[in-house]
Amino acid sequence: MGTFSVSMLVGNLNKSSFVEVRALADTGSVHSYIPEDILESVDVRPTETRAFAFADDRVVDIPFGYAVFVIEGMEVIAPVIFAGQGSSPLLGATTLEAAHLAADSVNRRLTPVLPMGRYDNGSRNAPR
């Protein structure tokens, strides 16, 4: 599977500060990873630390929080991992899914995805 990079904006939950980031679209990564110095520059702060397991059997507590992402015109709030300074930014699966986007590695681009709705829950808003 091929990899490619995309431009996106990352900002704080107040939407008062954003920075443009070029990130590798990485659907193998659950969450997006953004270097901590970039997140701190737009006043995104960790809300907690979470344990993450690595392929070499290490378990590491890593700062974790939430940021606003603007990707392909879609604005979403998604989890973000505070990666080490100098790390390469990664756009992970949860952020892509929240933005209703999928990685098309053949054509090296993001493509819109229509989410599947579930109706028939007795709601007046269910299609007829």
Protein backbone atom coordinates (compact mmCIF):
# COMPACT_ATOMS: atom_id res chain seq x y z
CA MET A 1 0.00 0.00 0.00
CA GLY A 2 1.40 3.40 -0.94
CA THR A 3 1.74 6.39 1.32
CA PHE A 4 1.21 10.06 0.67
CA SER A 5 1.09 13.37 2.49
CA VAL A 6 -1.75 15.85 2.85
CA SER A 7 -1.97 19.43 4.04
CA MET A 8 -4.32 20.20 6.90
CA LEU A 9 -4.91 22.74 9.62
CA VAL A 10 -4.59 21.85 13.29
CA GLY A 11 -5.90 24.14 16.00
CA ASN A 12 -7.17 24.48 19.53
CA LEU A 13 -10.73 23.74 20.61
CA ASN A 14 -11.51 27.47 20.84
CA LYS A 15 -10.61 27.78 17.13
CA SER A 16 -8.51 30.83 18.02
CA SER A 17 -5.23 29.55 16.60
CA PHE A 18 -4.38 27.17 13.75
CA VAL A 19 -1.22 25.98 12.05
CA GLU A 20 -0.85 24.32 8.66
CA VAL A 21 0.72 20.88 8.87
CA ARG A 22 1.76 18.43 6.18
CA ALA A 23 1.04 14.93 7.47
CA LEU A 24 1.44 11.40 6.22
CA ALA A 25 -1.95 9.74 5.72
CA ASP A 26 -1.53 6.65 7.89
CA THR A 27 -4.65 4.49 8.17
CA GLY A 28 -2.61 1.99 10.18
CA SER A 29 -2.42 4.55 12.97
CA VAL A 30 -5.56 4.77 15.09
CA HIS A 31 -5.03 8.39 16.17
CA SER A 32 -3.27 11.34 14.59
CA TYR A 33 0.23 12.11 15.86
CA ILE A 34 1.35 15.74 15.85
CA PRO A 35 4.67 16.90 17.37
CA GLU A 36 4.12 18.44 20.79
CA ASP A 37 5.87 21.70 19.88
CA ILE A 38 3.43 22.24 16.98
CA LEU A 39 0.42 21.54 19.22
CA GLU A 40 1.73 23.82 21.95
CA SER A 41 2.27 26.62 19.40
CA VAL A 42 -1.53 26.75 18.84
CA ASP A 43 -2.39 26.24 22.52
CA VAL A 44 -3.48 22.60 22.27
CA ARG A 45 -2.77 21.00 25.63
CA PRO A 46 -2.87 17.35 26.72
CA THR A 47 -5.90 16.35 28.77
CA GLU A 48 -4.34 13.13 30.08
CA THR A 49 -1.73 10.49 29.39
CA ARG A 50 -2.66 7.13 27.91
CA ALA A 51 -0.73 3.89 27.62
CA PHE A 52 0.23 2.81 24.10
CA ALA A 53 1.78 -0.55 23.14
CA PHE A 54 4.58 -0.70 20.60
CA ALA A 55 5.67 -3.51 18.30
CA ASP A 56 8.80 -4.08 20.42
CA ASP A 57 6.56 -4.90 23.44
CA ARG A 58 7.14 -1.55 25.16
CA VAL A 59 4.17 0.15 26.79
CA VAL A 60 4.61 3.91 27.02
CA ASP A 61 2.44 6.60 28.61
CA ILE A 62 2.02 9.36 26.04
CA PRO A 63 0.30 12.77 26.37
CA PHE A 64 -3.14 12.69 24.74
CA GLY A 65 -5.70 15.39 23.98
CA TYR A 66 -8.11 16.81 21.41
CA ALA A 67 -7.64 19.25 18.57
CA VAL A 68 -9.62 20.77 15.73
CA PHE A 69 -8.54 19.47 12.33
CA VAL A 70 -9.53 21.04 9.00
CA ILE A 71 -8.97 18.57 6.17
CA GLU A 72 -10.32 18.92 2.64
CA GLY A 73 -12.74 21.58 3.90
CA MET A 74 -14.10 19.35 6.70
CA GLU A 75 -13.70 20.61 10.26
CA VAL A 76 -13.65 17.97 13.01
CA ILE A 77 -12.62 17.57 16.61
CA ALA A 78 -10.52 14.44 17.03
CA PRO A 79 -8.11 12.79 19.45
CA VAL A 80 -4.46 13.70 19.03
CA ILE A 81 -1.27 12.13 20.34
CA PHE A 82 1.47 14.52 21.43
CA ALA A 83 4.39 13.10 19.48
CA GLY A 84 8.00 13.90 20.28
CA GLN A 85 9.48 17.11 18.95
CA GLY A 86 10.82 16.58 15.44
CA SER A 87 8.53 13.61 14.75
CA SER A 88 6.72 13.37 11.45
CA PRO A 89 3.02 14.29 11.70
CA LEU A 90 0.62 11.41 10.98
CA LEU A 91 -3.04 11.69 10.00
CA GLY A 92 -4.70 8.71 11.65
CA ALA A 93 -7.84 6.69 11.01
CA THR A 94 -10.08 8.27 13.69
CA THR A 95 -9.48 11.76 12.30
CA LEU A 96 -10.12 10.58 8.74
CA GLU A 97 -13.31 8.80 9.77
CA ALA A 98 -14.57 11.83 11.70
CA ALA A 99 -14.04 13.94 8.56
CA HIS A 100 -15.80 11.31 6.39
CA LEU A 101 -12.63 10.81 4.35
CA ALA A 102 -10.71 7.75 3.18
CA ALA A 103 -7.16 7.37 1.96
CA ASP A 104 -6.89 6.45 -1.73
CA SER A 105 -3.27 5.33 -1.81
CA VAL A 106 -3.39 4.38 -5.50
CA ASN A 107 -4.24 7.94 -6.58
CA ARG A 108 -2.43 9.46 -3.56
CA ARG A 109 -5.35 11.54 -2.31
CA LEU A 110 -8.18 11.67 0.19
CA THR A 111 -11.65 10.86 -1.03
CA PRO A 112 -15.04 11.61 0.54
CA VAL A 113 -16.94 8.73 2.10
CA LEU A 114 -20.65 8.75 2.77
CA PRO A 115 -21.26 7.31 6.23
CA MET A 116 -23.80 4.56 6.53
CA GLY A 117 -26.89 5.72 8.39
CA ARG A 118 -29.08 3.54 10.53
CA TYR A 119 -32.74 4.36 10.60
CA ASP A 120 -35.79 2.40 11.63
CA ASN A 121 -35.30 3.41 15.23
CA GLY A 122 -38.82 4.78 15.60
CA SER A 123 -37.66 8.30 14.90
CA ARG A 124 -39.91 10.75 13.12
CA ASN A 125 -36.85 11.66 11.05
CA ALA A 126 -36.48 8.22 9.51
CA PRO A 127 -36.79 8.23 5.71
CA ARG A 128 -39.98 6.82 4.30
